[in-house]
Amino acid sequence: FKVASQPEGCVADDQRQRLFLGEEDVG
């Protein structure tokens, strides 16, 4: 999949099966 601009950091919540990702200039 893809986001609109440059990402980097991400972390997965294994228990809730949720992925958090950072889009550097967006949030």
PDB file of all heavy atoms in Angstrom:
ATOM      1  N   PHE A   1       0.852  -1.186   0.000  1.00  0.00           N
ATOM      2  CA  PHE A   1       0.000   0.000   0.000  1.00  0.00           C
ATOM      3  C   PHE A   1       0.886   1.233   0.000  1.00  0.00           C
ATOM      4  O   PHE A   1       2.116   1.131   0.007  1.00  0.00           O
ATOM      5  CB  PHE A   1      -0.972  -0.015   1.198  1.00  0.00           C
ATOM      6  CG  PHE A   1      -0.304  -0.079   2.545  1.00  0.00           C
ATOM      7  CD1 PHE A   1      -0.009   1.077   3.260  1.00  0.00           C
ATOM      8  CD2 PHE A   1       0.013  -1.310   3.122  1.00  0.00           C
ATOM      9  CE1 PHE A   1       0.591   1.017   4.513  1.00  0.00           C
ATOM     10  CE2 PHE A   1       0.614  -1.380   4.371  1.00  0.00           C
ATOM     11  CZ  PHE A   1       0.903  -0.214   5.062  1.00  0.00           C
ATOM     12  N   LYS A   2       0.261   2.411   0.001  1.00  0.00           N
ATOM     13  CA  LYS A   2       1.052   3.631  -0.165  1.00  0.00           C
ATOM     14  C   LYS A   2       0.416   4.801   0.573  1.00  0.00           C
ATOM     15  O   LYS A   2      -0.808   4.876   0.692  1.00  0.00           O
ATOM     16  CB  LYS A   2       1.176   3.966  -1.662  1.00  0.00           C
ATOM     17  CG  LYS A   2       2.221   5.019  -1.996  1.00  0.00           C
ATOM     18  CD  LYS A   2       2.473   5.103  -3.492  1.00  0.00           C
ATOM     19  CE  LYS A   2       3.601   6.081  -3.788  1.00  0.00           C
ATOM     20  NZ  LYS A   2       3.895   6.172  -5.232  1.00  0.00           N
ATOM     21  N   VAL A   3       1.280   5.712   1.078  1.00  0.00           N
ATOM     22  CA  VAL A   3       0.823   7.005   1.589  1.00  0.00           C
ATOM     23  C   VAL A   3       1.302   8.086   0.618  1.00  0.00           C
ATOM     24  O   VAL A   3       2.113   7.828  -0.276  1.00  0.00           O
ATOM     25  CB  VAL A   3       1.331   7.274   3.024  1.00  0.00           C
ATOM     26  CG1 VAL A   3       0.753   6.265   3.994  1.00  0.00           C
ATOM     27  CG2 VAL A   3       2.854   7.282   3.092  1.00  0.00           C
ATOM     28  N   ALA A   4       0.795   9.301   0.798  1.00  0.00           N
ATOM     29  CA  ALA A   4       0.981  10.343  -0.219  1.00  0.00           C
ATOM     30  C   ALA A   4       2.377  10.958  -0.232  1.00  0.00           C
ATOM     31  O   ALA A   4       2.811  11.483  -1.256  1.00  0.00           O
ATOM     32  CB  ALA A   4      -0.068  11.440  -0.032  1.00  0.00           C
ATOM     33  N   SER A   5       3.088  10.922   0.896  1.00  0.00           N
ATOM     34  CA  SER A   5       4.404  11.560   0.945  1.00  0.00           C
ATOM     35  C   SER A   5       5.345  10.705   1.792  1.00  0.00           C
ATOM     36  O   SER A   5       5.006   9.592   2.176  1.00  0.00           O
ATOM     37  CB  SER A   5       4.296  12.984   1.498  1.00  0.00           C
ATOM     38  OG  SER A   5       3.831  12.978   2.838  1.00  0.00           O
ATOM     39  N   GLN A   6       6.523  11.230   2.103  1.00  0.00           N
ATOM     40  CA  GLN A   6       7.576  10.415   2.717  1.00  0.00           C
ATOM     41  C   GLN A   6       7.213   9.941   4.115  1.00  0.00           C
ATOM     42  O   GLN A   6       6.914  10.737   4.997  1.00  0.00           O
ATOM     43  CB  GLN A   6       8.880  11.216   2.779  1.00  0.00           C
ATOM     44  CG  GLN A   6      10.040  10.423   3.362  1.00  0.00           C
ATOM     45  CD  GLN A   6      11.359  11.147   3.203  1.00  0.00           C
ATOM     46  OE1 GLN A   6      11.706  11.586   2.117  1.00  0.00           O
ATOM     47  NE2 GLN A   6      12.107  11.273   4.276  1.00  0.00           N
ATOM     48  N   PRO A   7       7.241   8.618   4.349  1.00  0.00           N
ATOM     49  CA  PRO A   7       7.057   8.071   5.689  1.00  0.00           C
ATOM     50  C   PRO A   7       8.414   7.684   6.287  1.00  0.00           C
ATOM     51  O   PRO A   7       9.445   7.847   5.641  1.00  0.00           O
ATOM     52  CB  PRO A   7       6.232   6.805   5.412  1.00  0.00           C
ATOM     53  CG  PRO A   7       6.767   6.328   4.088  1.00  0.00           C
ATOM     54  CD  PRO A   7       7.270   7.545   3.331  1.00  0.00           C
ATOM     55  N   GLU A   8       8.403   7.206   7.521  1.00  0.00           N
ATOM     56  CA  GLU A   8       9.565   6.492   8.056  1.00  0.00           C
ATOM     57  C   GLU A   8       9.140   5.591   9.209  1.00  0.00           C
ATOM     58  O   GLU A   8       9.009   4.394   9.062  1.00  0.00           O
ATOM     59  CB  GLU A   8      10.702   7.417   8.498  1.00  0.00           C
ATOM     60  CG  GLU A   8      11.917   6.600   8.926  1.00  0.00           C
ATOM     61  CD  GLU A   8      13.144   7.414   9.295  1.00  0.00           C
ATOM     62  OE1 GLU A   8      13.083   8.653   9.329  1.00  0.00           O
ATOM     63  OE2 GLU A   8      14.183   6.789   9.571  1.00  0.00           O
ATOM     64  N   GLY A   9       8.927   6.182  10.397  1.00  0.00           N
ATOM     65  CA  GLY A   9       8.671   5.361  11.570  1.00  0.00           C
ATOM     66  C   GLY A   9       7.349   4.608  11.496  1.00  0.00           C
ATOM     67  O   GLY A   9       6.364   5.093  10.943  1.00  0.00           O
ATOM     68  N   CYS A  10       7.353   3.381  12.038  1.00  0.00           N
ATOM     69  CA  CYS A  10       6.115   2.628  12.188  1.00  0.00           C
ATOM     70  C   CYS A  10       6.268   1.693  13.379  1.00  0.00           C
ATOM     71  O   CYS A  10       7.377   1.387  13.813  1.00  0.00           O
ATOM     72  CB  CYS A  10       5.746   1.859  10.918  1.00  0.00           C
ATOM     73  SG  CYS A  10       6.897   0.570  10.397  1.00  0.00           S
ATOM     74  N   VAL A  11       5.132   1.254  13.927  1.00  0.00           N
ATOM     75  CA  VAL A  11       5.134   0.310  15.042  1.00  0.00           C
ATOM     76  C   VAL A  11       3.815  -0.442  15.015  1.00  0.00           C
ATOM     77  O   VAL A  11       2.769   0.132  14.692  1.00  0.00           O
ATOM     78  CB  VAL A  11       5.340   1.022  16.398  1.00  0.00           C
ATOM     79  CG1 VAL A  11       4.188   1.965  16.744  1.00  0.00           C
ATOM     80  CG2 VAL A  11       5.554   0.012  17.527  1.00  0.00           C
ATOM     81  N   ALA A  12       3.874  -1.734  15.331  1.00  0.00           N
ATOM     82  CA  ALA A  12       2.672  -2.574  15.322  1.00  0.00           C
ATOM     83  C   ALA A  12       2.239  -2.904  16.740  1.00  0.00           C
ATOM     84  O   ALA A  12       3.066  -3.246  17.586  1.00  0.00           O
ATOM     85  CB  ALA A  12       2.934  -3.861  14.550  1.00  0.00           C
ATOM     86  N   ASP A  13       0.952  -2.772  16.987  1.00  0.00           N
ATOM     87  CA  ASP A  13       0.322  -3.227  18.225  1.00  0.00           C
ATOM     88  C   ASP A  13      -0.130  -4.669  17.968  1.00  0.00           C
ATOM     89  O   ASP A  13      -1.164  -4.906  17.360  1.00  0.00           O
ATOM     90  CB  ASP A  13      -0.862  -2.319  18.553  1.00  0.00           C
ATOM     91  CG  ASP A  13      -1.537  -2.677  19.871  1.00  0.00           C
ATOM     92  OD1 ASP A  13      -1.362  -3.815  20.349  1.00  0.00           O
ATOM     93  OD2 ASP A  13      -2.270  -1.823  20.407  1.00  0.00           O
ATOM     94  N   ASP A  14       0.675  -5.629  18.436  1.00  0.00           N
ATOM     95  CA  ASP A  14       0.393  -7.041  18.159  1.00  0.00           C
ATOM     96  C   ASP A  14      -0.947  -7.481  18.742  1.00  0.00           C
ATOM     97  O   ASP A  14      -1.680  -8.254  18.122  1.00  0.00           O
ATOM     98  CB  ASP A  14       1.516  -7.922  18.727  1.00  0.00           C
ATOM     99  CG  ASP A  14       2.850  -7.699  18.023  1.00  0.00           C
ATOM    100  OD1 ASP A  14       2.860  -7.077  16.935  1.00  0.00           O
ATOM    101  OD2 ASP A  14       3.888  -8.137  18.561  1.00  0.00           O
ATOM    102  N   GLN A  15      -1.261  -6.993  19.957  1.00  0.00           N
ATOM    103  CA  GLN A  15      -2.486  -7.436  20.633  1.00  0.00           C
ATOM    104  C   GLN A  15      -3.734  -6.997  19.884  1.00  0.00           C
ATOM    105  O   GLN A  15      -4.682  -7.762  19.719  1.00  0.00           O
ATOM    106  CB  GLN A  15      -2.518  -6.888  22.067  1.00  0.00           C
ATOM    107  CG  GLN A  15      -1.388  -7.391  22.943  1.00  0.00           C
ATOM    108  CD  GLN A  15      -1.309  -6.622  24.261  1.00  0.00           C
ATOM    109  OE1 GLN A  15      -2.213  -5.871  24.606  1.00  0.00           O
ATOM    110  NE2 GLN A  15      -0.223  -6.810  25.000  1.00  0.00           N
ATOM    111  N   ARG A  16      -3.732  -5.748  19.425  1.00  0.00           N
ATOM    112  CA  ARG A  16      -4.929  -5.203  18.760  1.00  0.00           C
ATOM    113  C   ARG A  16      -4.830  -5.296  17.236  1.00  0.00           C
ATOM    114  O   ARG A  16      -5.736  -4.854  16.538  1.00  0.00           O
ATOM    115  CB  ARG A  16      -5.141  -3.747  19.188  1.00  0.00           C
ATOM    116  CG  ARG A  16      -5.382  -3.612  20.689  1.00  0.00           C
ATOM    117  CD  ARG A  16      -5.570  -2.167  21.086  1.00  0.00           C
ATOM    118  NE  ARG A  16      -5.750  -2.047  22.512  1.00  0.00           N
ATOM    119  CZ  ARG A  16      -4.755  -1.916  23.394  1.00  0.00           C
ATOM    120  NH1 ARG A  16      -3.499  -1.896  22.973  1.00  0.00           N
ATOM    121  NH2 ARG A  16      -5.005  -1.813  24.692  1.00  0.00           N
ATOM    122  N   GLN A  17      -3.727  -5.860  16.750  1.00  0.00           N
ATOM    123  CA  GLN A  17      -3.507  -6.046  15.314  1.00  0.00           C
ATOM    124  C   GLN A  17      -3.666  -4.721  14.564  1.00  0.00           C
ATOM    125  O   GLN A  17      -4.327  -4.627  13.537  1.00  0.00           O
ATOM    126  CB  GLN A  17      -4.441  -7.135  14.768  1.00  0.00           C
ATOM    127  CG  GLN A  17      -4.262  -8.446  15.516  1.00  0.00           C
ATOM    128  CD  GLN A  17      -5.166  -9.547  15.017  1.00  0.00           C
ATOM    129  OE1 GLN A  17      -4.725 -10.477  14.393  1.00  0.00           O
ATOM    130  NE2 GLN A  17      -6.463  -9.413  15.282  1.00  0.00           N
ATOM    131  N   ARG A  18      -3.037  -3.698  15.150  1.00  0.00           N
ATOM    132  CA  ARG A  18      -3.114  -2.343  14.595  1.00  0.00           C
ATOM    133  C   ARG A  18      -1.702  -1.868  14.257  1.00  0.00           C
ATOM    134  O   ARG A  18      -0.763  -2.072  15.033  1.00  0.00           O
ATOM    135  CB  ARG A  18      -3.767  -1.401  15.612  1.00  0.00           C
ATOM    136  CG  ARG A  18      -3.903   0.041  15.122  1.00  0.00           C
ATOM    137  CD  ARG A  18      -4.538   0.916  16.182  1.00  0.00           C
ATOM    138  NE  ARG A  18      -5.962   0.634  16.327  1.00  0.00           N
ATOM    139  CZ  ARG A  18      -6.569   0.425  17.487  1.00  0.00           C
ATOM    140  NH1 ARG A  18      -5.877   0.435  18.629  1.00  0.00           N
ATOM    141  NH2 ARG A  18      -7.866   0.192  17.522  1.00  0.00           N
ATOM    142  N   LEU A  19      -1.570  -1.233  13.121  1.00  0.00           N
ATOM    143  CA  LEU A  19      -0.291  -0.678  12.693  1.00  0.00           C
ATOM    144  C   LEU A  19      -0.363   0.841  12.737  1.00  0.00           C
ATOM    145  O   LEU A  19      -1.303   1.437  12.213  1.00  0.00           O
ATOM    146  CB  LEU A  19       0.033  -1.144  11.271  1.00  0.00           C
ATOM    147  CG  LEU A  19       1.319  -0.597  10.635  1.00  0.00           C
ATOM    148  CD1 LEU A  19       2.544  -1.111  11.376  1.00  0.00           C
ATOM    149  CD2 LEU A  19       1.387  -0.986   9.160  1.00  0.00           C
ATOM    150  N   PHE A  20       0.628   1.454  13.385  1.00  0.00           N
ATOM    151  CA  PHE A  20       0.767   2.909  13.379  1.00  0.00           C
ATOM    152  C   PHE A  20       1.924   3.266  12.442  1.00  0.00           C
ATOM    153  O   PHE A  20       2.985   2.632  12.489  1.00  0.00           O
ATOM    154  CB  PHE A  20       1.087   3.451  14.771  1.00  0.00           C
ATOM    155  CG  PHE A  20      -0.006   3.254  15.783  1.00  0.00           C
ATOM    156  CD1 PHE A  20       0.028   2.171  16.655  1.00  0.00           C
ATOM    157  CD2 PHE A  20      -1.066   4.137  15.876  1.00  0.00           C
ATOM    158  CE1 PHE A  20      -0.974   1.981  17.595  1.00  0.00           C
ATOM    159  CE2 PHE A  20      -2.074   3.957  16.811  1.00  0.00           C
ATOM    160  CZ  PHE A  20      -2.022   2.880  17.671  1.00  0.00           C
ATOM    161  N   LEU A  21       1.732   4.284  11.614  1.00  0.00           N
ATOM    162  CA  LEU A  21       2.823   4.719  10.749  1.00  0.00           C
ATOM    163  C   LEU A  21       2.867   6.232  10.693  1.00  0.00           C
ATOM    164  O   LEU A  21       1.847   6.911  10.806  1.00  0.00           O
ATOM    165  CB  LEU A  21       2.692   4.109   9.352  1.00  0.00           C
ATOM    166  CG  LEU A  21       1.440   4.384   8.530  1.00  0.00           C
ATOM    167  CD1 LEU A  21       1.614   5.636   7.675  1.00  0.00           C
ATOM    168  CD2 LEU A  21       1.115   3.191   7.657  1.00  0.00           C
ATOM    169  N   GLY A  22       4.074   6.741  10.534  1.00  0.00           N
ATOM    170  CA  GLY A  22       4.282   8.186  10.484  1.00  0.00           C
ATOM    171  C   GLY A  22       4.544   8.666   9.074  1.00  0.00           C
ATOM    172  O   GLY A  22       5.395   8.106   8.372  1.00  0.00           O
ATOM    173  N   GLU A  23       3.804   9.687   8.649  1.00  0.00           N
ATOM    174  CA  GLU A  23       4.079  10.386   7.396  1.00  0.00           C
ATOM    175  C   GLU A  23       4.727  11.705   7.828  1.00  0.00           C
ATOM    176  O   GLU A  23       4.088  12.546   8.478  1.00  0.00           O
ATOM    177  CB  GLU A  23       2.779  10.604   6.625  1.00  0.00           C
ATOM    178  CG  GLU A  23       2.965  10.995   5.190  1.00  0.00           C
ATOM    179  CD  GLU A  23       1.649  11.098   4.427  1.00  0.00           C
ATOM    180  OE1 GLU A  23       0.580  10.696   4.963  1.00  0.00           O
ATOM    181  OE2 GLU A  23       1.679  11.594   3.291  1.00  0.00           O
ATOM    182  N   GLU A  24       5.990  11.892   7.502  1.00  0.00           N
ATOM    183  CA  GLU A  24       6.853  12.860   8.184  1.00  0.00           C
ATOM    184  C   GLU A  24       6.271  14.270   8.283  1.00  0.00           C
ATOM    185  O   GLU A  24       6.359  14.912   9.324  1.00  0.00           O
ATOM    186  CB  GLU A  24       8.229  12.901   7.518  1.00  0.00           C
ATOM    187  CG  GLU A  24       9.031  11.633   7.755  1.00  0.00           C
ATOM    188  CD  GLU A  24      10.493  11.769   7.373  1.00  0.00           C
ATOM    189  OE1 GLU A  24      10.856  12.791   6.737  1.00  0.00           O
ATOM    190  OE2 GLU A  24      11.274  10.869   7.707  1.00  0.00           O
ATOM    191  N   ASP A  25       5.692  14.783   7.197  1.00  0.00           N
ATOM    192  CA  ASP A  25       5.192  16.162   7.195  1.00  0.00           C
ATOM    193  C   ASP A  25       3.694  16.251   7.444  1.00  0.00           C
ATOM    194  O   ASP A  25       3.128  17.348   7.417  1.00  0.00           O
ATOM    195  CB  ASP A  25       5.507  16.841   5.855  1.00  0.00           C
ATOM    196  CG  ASP A  25       6.993  17.022   5.651  1.00  0.00           C
ATOM    197  OD1 ASP A  25       7.720  17.162   6.652  1.00  0.00           O
ATOM    198  OD2 ASP A  25       7.438  17.005   4.487  1.00  0.00           O
ATOM    199  N   VAL A  26       3.037  15.117   7.667  1.00  0.00           N
ATOM    200  CA  VAL A  26       1.572  15.087   7.743  1.00  0.00           C
ATOM    201  C   VAL A  26       1.075  14.693   9.130  1.00  0.00           C
ATOM    202  O   VAL A  26       0.233  15.380   9.716  1.00  0.00           O
ATOM    203  CB  VAL A  26       0.996  14.119   6.682  1.00  0.00           C
ATOM    204  CG1 VAL A  26      -0.524  14.033   6.803  1.00  0.00           C
ATOM    205  CG2 VAL A  26       1.397  14.573   5.285  1.00  0.00           C
ATOM    206  N   GLY A  27       1.560  13.586   9.682  1.00  0.00           N
ATOM    207  CA  GLY A  27       1.100  13.124  10.983  1.00  0.00           C
ATOM    208  C   GLY A  27       1.223  11.625  11.112  1.00  0.00           C
ATOM    209  O   GLY A  27       2.033  10.985  10.428  1.00  0.00           O
TER     210      GLY A  27
END
